[in-house]
Amino acid sequence: MMLTDIEIDDLASLSLHYSYDIVVNALSVVYREYYMYQKTVNNLGGLVSTIIRSEFNNLKKAA
């Protein structure tokens, strides 16, 4: 999985906003559900952010 400089900057920014572990977990979801099936990802930072927010929303509903 090759990342561009912009994608690295986006992921670093997300890591500062949330945490490194949360971003890595979201990246593993992207890899398992998109890259393994060779789906095109146009905006990696946006996709990771969406996955993180979705997981937070699911946790809020469970609480």
PDB file of N, CA and C in Angstrom:
ATOM      1  N   MET A   1       0.850  -1.159   0.000  1.00  0.00           N
ATOM      2  CA  MET A   1       0.000   0.000   0.000  1.00  0.00           C
ATOM      3  C   MET A   1       0.904   1.232   0.000  1.00  0.00           C
ATOM      4  N   MET A   2       0.935   1.914  -1.109  1.00  0.00           N
ATOM      5  CA  MET A   2       1.758   3.118  -1.244  1.00  0.00           C
ATOM      6  C   MET A   2       0.924   4.347  -0.894  1.00  0.00           C
ATOM      7  N   LEU A   3       1.480   5.219  -0.088  1.00  0.00           N
ATOM      8  CA  LEU A   3       0.781   6.431   0.316  1.00  0.00           C
ATOM      9  C   LEU A   3       1.469   7.653  -0.268  1.00  0.00           C
ATOM     10  N   THR A   4       0.667   8.621  -0.691  1.00  0.00           N
ATOM     11  CA  THR A   4       1.222   9.876  -1.184  1.00  0.00           C
ATOM     12  C   THR A   4       1.529  10.778   0.014  1.00  0.00           C
ATOM     13  N   ASP A   5       2.241  11.858  -0.238  1.00  0.00           N
ATOM     14  CA  ASP A   5       2.570  12.799   0.835  1.00  0.00           C
ATOM     15  C   ASP A   5       1.306  13.411   1.438  1.00  0.00           C
ATOM     16  N   ILE A   6       0.328  13.694   0.607  1.00  0.00           N
ATOM     17  CA  ILE A   6      -0.923  14.279   1.103  1.00  0.00           C
ATOM     18  C   ILE A   6      -1.649  13.294   2.007  1.00  0.00           C
ATOM     19  N   GLU A   7      -1.676  12.017   1.626  1.00  0.00           N
ATOM     20  CA  GLU A   7      -2.336  11.002   2.455  1.00  0.00           C
ATOM     21  C   GLU A   7      -1.615  10.839   3.792  1.00  0.00           C
ATOM     22  N   ILE A   8      -0.298  10.896   3.767  1.00  0.00           N
ATOM     23  CA  ILE A   8       0.468  10.804   5.017  1.00  0.00           C
ATOM     24  C   ILE A   8       0.154  11.990   5.914  1.00  0.00           C
ATOM     25  N   ASP A   9       0.084  13.187   5.326  1.00  0.00           N
ATOM     26  CA  ASP A   9      -0.269  14.377   6.104  1.00  0.00           C
ATOM     27  C   ASP A   9      -1.664  14.255   6.703  1.00  0.00           C
ATOM     28  N   ASP A  10      -2.614  13.755   5.910  1.00  0.00           N
ATOM     29  CA  ASP A  10      -3.980  13.566   6.400  1.00  0.00           C
ATOM     30  C   ASP A  10      -4.016  12.587   7.576  1.00  0.00           C
ATOM     31  N   LEU A  11      -3.302  11.479   7.445  1.00  0.00           N
ATOM     32  CA  LEU A  11      -3.296  10.467   8.508  1.00  0.00           C
ATOM     33  C   LEU A  11      -2.600  10.995   9.761  1.00  0.00           C
ATOM     34  N   ALA A  12      -1.544  11.774   9.575  1.00  0.00           N
ATOM     35  CA  ALA A  12      -0.860  12.365  10.727  1.00  0.00           C
ATOM     36  C   ALA A  12      -1.781  13.341  11.451  1.00  0.00           C
ATOM     37  N   SER A  13      -2.526  14.118  10.685  1.00  0.00           N
ATOM     38  CA  SER A  13      -3.470  15.061  11.278  1.00  0.00           C
ATOM     39  C   SER A  13      -4.573  14.324  12.038  1.00  0.00           C
ATOM     40  N   LEU A  14      -5.081  13.247  11.455  1.00  0.00           N
ATOM     41  CA  LEU A  14      -6.094  12.446  12.145  1.00  0.00           C
ATOM     42  C   LEU A  14      -5.526  11.820  13.416  1.00  0.00           C
ATOM     43  N   SER A  15      -4.260  11.408  13.389  1.00  0.00           N
ATOM     44  CA  SER A  15      -3.623  10.811  14.564  1.00  0.00           C
ATOM     45  C   SER A  15      -3.511  11.814  15.700  1.00  0.00           C
ATOM     46  N   LEU A  16      -3.278  13.084  15.350  1.00  0.00           N
ATOM     47  CA  LEU A  16      -3.221  14.116  16.385  1.00  0.00           C
ATOM     48  C   LEU A  16      -4.605  14.411  16.944  1.00  0.00           C
ATOM     49  N   HIS A  17      -5.602  14.361  16.086  1.00  0.00           N
ATOM     50  CA  HIS A  17      -6.969  14.680  16.518  1.00  0.00           C
ATOM     51  C   HIS A  17      -7.574  13.547  17.349  1.00  0.00           C
ATOM     52  N   TYR A  18      -7.435  12.323  16.904  1.00  0.00           N
ATOM     53  CA  TYR A  18      -7.993  11.171  17.617  1.00  0.00           C
ATOM     54  C   TYR A  18      -6.879  10.517  18.429  1.00  0.00           C
ATOM     55  N   SER A  19      -6.242   9.528  17.892  1.00  0.00           N
ATOM     56  CA  SER A  19      -5.046   8.916  18.471  1.00  0.00           C
ATOM     57  C   SER A  19      -4.445   8.000  17.419  1.00  0.00           C
ATOM     58  N   TYR A  20      -3.190   7.671  17.613  1.00  0.00           N
ATOM     59  CA  TYR A  20      -2.478   6.825  16.658  1.00  0.00           C
ATOM     60  C   TYR A  20      -3.160   5.465  16.543  1.00  0.00           C
ATOM     61  N   ASP A  21      -3.506   4.866  17.655  1.00  0.00           N
ATOM     62  CA  ASP A  21      -4.104   3.525  17.647  1.00  0.00           C
ATOM     63  C   ASP A  21      -5.443   3.493  16.920  1.00  0.00           C
ATOM     64  N   ILE A  22      -6.251   4.523  17.118  1.00  0.00           N
ATOM     65  CA  ILE A  22      -7.548   4.576  16.447  1.00  0.00           C
ATOM     66  C   ILE A  22      -7.369   4.685  14.942  1.00  0.00           C
ATOM     67  N   VAL A  23      -6.413   5.495  14.509  1.00  0.00           N
ATOM     68  CA  VAL A  23      -6.154   5.653  13.070  1.00  0.00           C
ATOM     69  C   VAL A  23      -5.608   4.355  12.480  1.00  0.00           C
ATOM     70  N   VAL A  24      -4.725   3.684  13.183  1.00  0.00           N
ATOM     71  CA  VAL A  24      -4.185   2.409  12.697  1.00  0.00           C
ATOM     72  C   VAL A  24      -5.294   1.372  12.580  1.00  0.00           C
ATOM     73  N   ASN A  25      -6.201   1.329  13.544  1.00  0.00           N
ATOM     74  CA  ASN A  25      -7.327   0.390  13.466  1.00  0.00           C
ATOM     75  C   ASN A  25      -8.211   0.697  12.260  1.00  0.00           C
ATOM     76  N   ALA A  26      -8.467   1.973  12.005  1.00  0.00           N
ATOM     77  CA  ALA A  26      -9.271   2.353  10.844  1.00  0.00           C
ATOM     78  C   ALA A  26      -8.537   2.007   9.549  1.00  0.00           C
ATOM     79  N   LEU A  27      -7.228   2.181   9.534  1.00  0.00           N
ATOM     80  CA  LEU A  27      -6.447   1.803   8.345  1.00  0.00           C
ATOM     81  C   LEU A  27      -6.515   0.304   8.089  1.00  0.00           C
ATOM     82  N   SER A  28      -6.551  -0.480   9.144  1.00  0.00           N
ATOM     83  CA  SER A  28      -6.661  -1.927   8.951  1.00  0.00           C
ATOM     84  C   SER A  28      -8.018  -2.284   8.356  1.00  0.00           C
ATOM     85  N   VAL A  29      -9.057  -1.551   8.724  1.00  0.00           N
ATOM     86  CA  VAL A  29     -10.376  -1.759   8.125  1.00  0.00           C
ATOM     87  C   VAL A  29     -10.328  -1.416   6.638  1.00  0.00           C
ATOM     88  N   VAL A  30      -9.690  -0.303   6.303  1.00  0.00           N
ATOM     89  CA  VAL A  30      -9.561   0.106   4.897  1.00  0.00           C
ATOM     90  C   VAL A  30      -8.813  -0.964   4.118  1.00  0.00           C
ATOM     91  N   TYR A  31      -7.740  -1.472   4.681  1.00  0.00           N
ATOM     92  CA  TYR A  31      -6.961  -2.491   3.979  1.00  0.00           C
ATOM     93  C   TYR A  31      -7.781  -3.762   3.758  1.00  0.00           C
ATOM     94  N   ARG A  32      -8.464  -4.214   4.817  1.00  0.00           N
ATOM     95  CA  ARG A  32      -9.234  -5.457   4.722  1.00  0.00           C
ATOM     96  C   ARG A  32     -10.427  -5.338   3.788  1.00  0.00           C
ATOM     97  N   GLU A  33     -11.101  -4.182   3.810  1.00  0.00           N
ATOM     98  CA  GLU A  33     -12.352  -4.064   3.060  1.00  0.00           C
ATOM     99  C   GLU A  33     -12.208  -3.408   1.689  1.00  0.00           C
ATOM    100  N   TYR A  34     -11.110  -2.711   1.453  1.00  0.00           N
ATOM    101  CA  TYR A  34     -10.949  -2.015   0.174  1.00  0.00           C
ATOM    102  C   TYR A  34      -9.758  -2.534  -0.622  1.00  0.00           C
ATOM    103  N   TYR A  35      -8.562  -2.461  -0.034  1.00  0.00           N
ATOM    104  CA  TYR A  35      -7.364  -2.829  -0.791  1.00  0.00           C
ATOM    105  C   TYR A  35      -7.295  -4.317  -1.099  1.00  0.00           C
ATOM    106  N   MET A  36      -7.759  -5.158  -0.192  1.00  0.00           N
ATOM    107  CA  MET A  36      -7.711  -6.603  -0.451  1.00  0.00           C
ATOM    108  C   MET A  36      -8.633  -6.988  -1.602  1.00  0.00           C
ATOM    109  N   TYR A  37      -9.699  -6.210  -1.790  1.00  0.00           N
ATOM    110  CA  TYR A  37     -10.628  -6.469  -2.890  1.00  0.00           C
ATOM    111  C   TYR A  37     -10.360  -5.563  -4.088  1.00  0.00           C
ATOM    112  N   GLN A  38      -9.231  -4.863  -4.058  1.00  0.00           N
ATOM    113  CA  GLN A  38      -8.775  -3.995  -5.141  1.00  0.00           C
ATOM    114  C   GLN A  38      -9.805  -2.925  -5.508  1.00  0.00           C
ATOM    115  N   LYS A  39     -10.490  -2.401  -4.497  1.00  0.00           N
ATOM    116  CA  LYS A  39     -11.413  -1.290  -4.710  1.00  0.00           C
ATOM    117  C   LYS A  39     -10.614   0.013  -4.722  1.00  0.00           C
ATOM    118  N   THR A  40     -11.038   0.963  -5.509  1.00  0.00           N
ATOM    119  CA  THR A  40     -10.342   2.238  -5.617  1.00  0.00           C
ATOM    120  C   THR A  40     -10.706   3.129  -4.438  1.00  0.00           C
ATOM    121  N   VAL A  41      -9.681   3.702  -3.831  1.00  0.00           N
ATOM    122  CA  VAL A  41      -9.872   4.659  -2.742  1.00  0.00           C
ATOM    123  C   VAL A  41      -9.337   5.997  -3.227  1.00  0.00           C
ATOM    124  N   ASN A  42     -10.228   6.973  -3.401  1.00  0.00           N
ATOM    125  CA  ASN A  42      -9.822   8.277  -3.919  1.00  0.00           C
ATOM    126  C   ASN A  42      -9.396   9.235  -2.819  1.00  0.00           C
ATOM    127  N   ASN A  43      -9.979   9.106  -1.635  1.00  0.00           N
ATOM    128  CA  ASN A  43      -9.684  10.015  -0.534  1.00  0.00           C
ATOM    129  C   ASN A  43      -9.476   9.189   0.729  1.00  0.00           C
ATOM    130  N   LEU A  44      -8.250   8.773   0.957  1.00  0.00           N
ATOM    131  CA  LEU A  44      -7.940   7.893   2.082  1.00  0.00           C
ATOM    132  C   LEU A  44      -8.233   8.570   3.419  1.00  0.00           C
ATOM    133  N   GLY A  45      -7.831   9.823   3.558  1.00  0.00           N
ATOM    134  CA  GLY A  45      -8.071  10.538   4.814  1.00  0.00           C
ATOM    135  C   GLY A  45      -9.545  10.660   5.129  1.00  0.00           C
ATOM    136  N   GLY A  46     -10.338  10.963   4.121  1.00  0.00           N
ATOM    137  CA  GLY A  46     -11.776  11.076   4.318  1.00  0.00           C
ATOM    138  C   GLY A  46     -12.412   9.747   4.684  1.00  0.00           C
ATOM    139  N   LEU A  47     -11.952   8.683   4.047  1.00  0.00           N
ATOM    140  CA  LEU A  47     -12.482   7.349   4.339  1.00  0.00           C
ATOM    141  C   LEU A  47     -12.130   6.927   5.762  1.00  0.00           C
ATOM    142  N   VAL A  48     -10.896   7.148   6.160  1.00  0.00           N
ATOM    143  CA  VAL A  48     -10.467   6.798   7.516  1.00  0.00           C
ATOM    144  C   VAL A  48     -11.253   7.616   8.541  1.00  0.00           C
ATOM    145  N   SER A  49     -11.432   8.896   8.270  1.00  0.00           N
ATOM    146  CA  SER A  49     -12.200   9.755   9.164  1.00  0.00           C
ATOM    147  C   SER A  49     -13.643   9.268   9.283  1.00  0.00           C
ATOM    148  N   THR A  50     -14.234   8.872   8.185  1.00  0.00           N
ATOM    149  CA  THR A  50     -15.608   8.369   8.194  1.00  0.00           C
ATOM    150  C   THR A  50     -15.712   7.082   9.005  1.00  0.00           C
ATOM    151  N   ILE A  51     -14.749   6.203   8.852  1.00  0.00           N
ATOM    152  CA  ILE A  51     -14.745   4.944   9.611  1.00  0.00           C
ATOM    153  C   ILE A  51     -14.626   5.231  11.106  1.00  0.00           C
ATOM    154  N   ILE A  52     -13.748   6.148  11.472  1.00  0.00           N
ATOM    155  CA  ILE A  52     -13.564   6.485  12.889  1.00  0.00           C
ATOM    156  C   ILE A  52     -14.846   7.073  13.468  1.00  0.00           C
ATOM    157  N   ARG A  53     -15.460   8.019  12.765  1.00  0.00           N
ATOM    158  CA  ARG A  53     -16.694   8.625  13.257  1.00  0.00           C
ATOM    159  C   ARG A  53     -17.811   7.606  13.353  1.00  0.00           C
ATOM    160  N   SER A  54     -17.861   6.681  12.418  1.00  0.00           N
ATOM    161  CA  SER A  54     -18.879   5.634  12.456  1.00  0.00           C
ATOM    162  C   SER A  54     -18.696   4.741  13.675  1.00  0.00           C
ATOM    163  N   GLU A  55     -17.458   4.397  13.988  1.00  0.00           N
ATOM    164  CA  GLU A  55     -17.196   3.560  15.158  1.00  0.00           C
ATOM    165  C   GLU A  55     -17.549   4.294  16.448  1.00  0.00           C
ATOM    166  N   PHE A  56     -17.244   5.610  16.511  1.00  0.00           N
ATOM    167  CA  PHE A  56     -17.618   6.383  17.687  1.00  0.00           C
ATOM    168  C   PHE A  56     -19.128   6.450  17.841  1.00  0.00           C
ATOM    169  N   ASN A  57     -19.854   6.625  16.744  1.00  0.00           N
ATOM    170  CA  ASN A  57     -21.306   6.675  16.799  1.00  0.00           C
ATOM    171  C   ASN A  57     -21.884   5.347  17.269  1.00  0.00           C
ATOM    172  N   ASN A  58     -21.289   4.249  16.821  1.00  0.00           N
ATOM    173  CA  ASN A  58     -21.754   2.928  17.268  1.00  0.00           C
ATOM    174  C   ASN A  58     -21.521   2.747  18.765  1.00  0.00           C
ATOM    175  N   LEU A  59     -20.404   3.260  19.256  1.00  0.00           N
ATOM    176  CA  LEU A  59     -20.119   3.154  20.696  1.00  0.00           C
ATOM    177  C   LEU A  59     -21.093   4.002  21.506  1.00  0.00           C
ATOM    178  N   LYS A  60     -21.459   5.168  20.980  1.00  0.00           N
ATOM    179  CA  LYS A  60     -22.419   6.033  21.681  1.00  0.00           C
ATOM    180  C   LYS A  60     -23.777   5.363  21.786  1.00  0.00           C
ATOM    181  N   LYS A  61     -24.185   4.694  20.702  1.00  0.00           N
ATOM    182  CA  LYS A  61     -25.475   4.014  20.709  1.00  0.00           C
ATOM    183  C   LYS A  61     -25.495   2.859  21.693  1.00  0.00           C
ATOM    184  N   ALA A  62     -24.350   2.194  21.861  1.00  0.00           N
ATOM    185  CA  ALA A  62     -24.281   1.044  22.751  1.00  0.00           C
ATOM    186  C   ALA A  62     -24.299   1.469  24.217  1.00  0.00           C
ATOM    187  N   ALA A  63     -23.875   2.694  24.480  1.00  0.00           N
ATOM    188  CA  ALA A  63     -23.778   3.155  25.878  1.00  0.00           C
ATOM    189  C   ALA A  63     -25.066   3.626  26.438  1.00  0.00           C
TER     190      ALA A  63
END
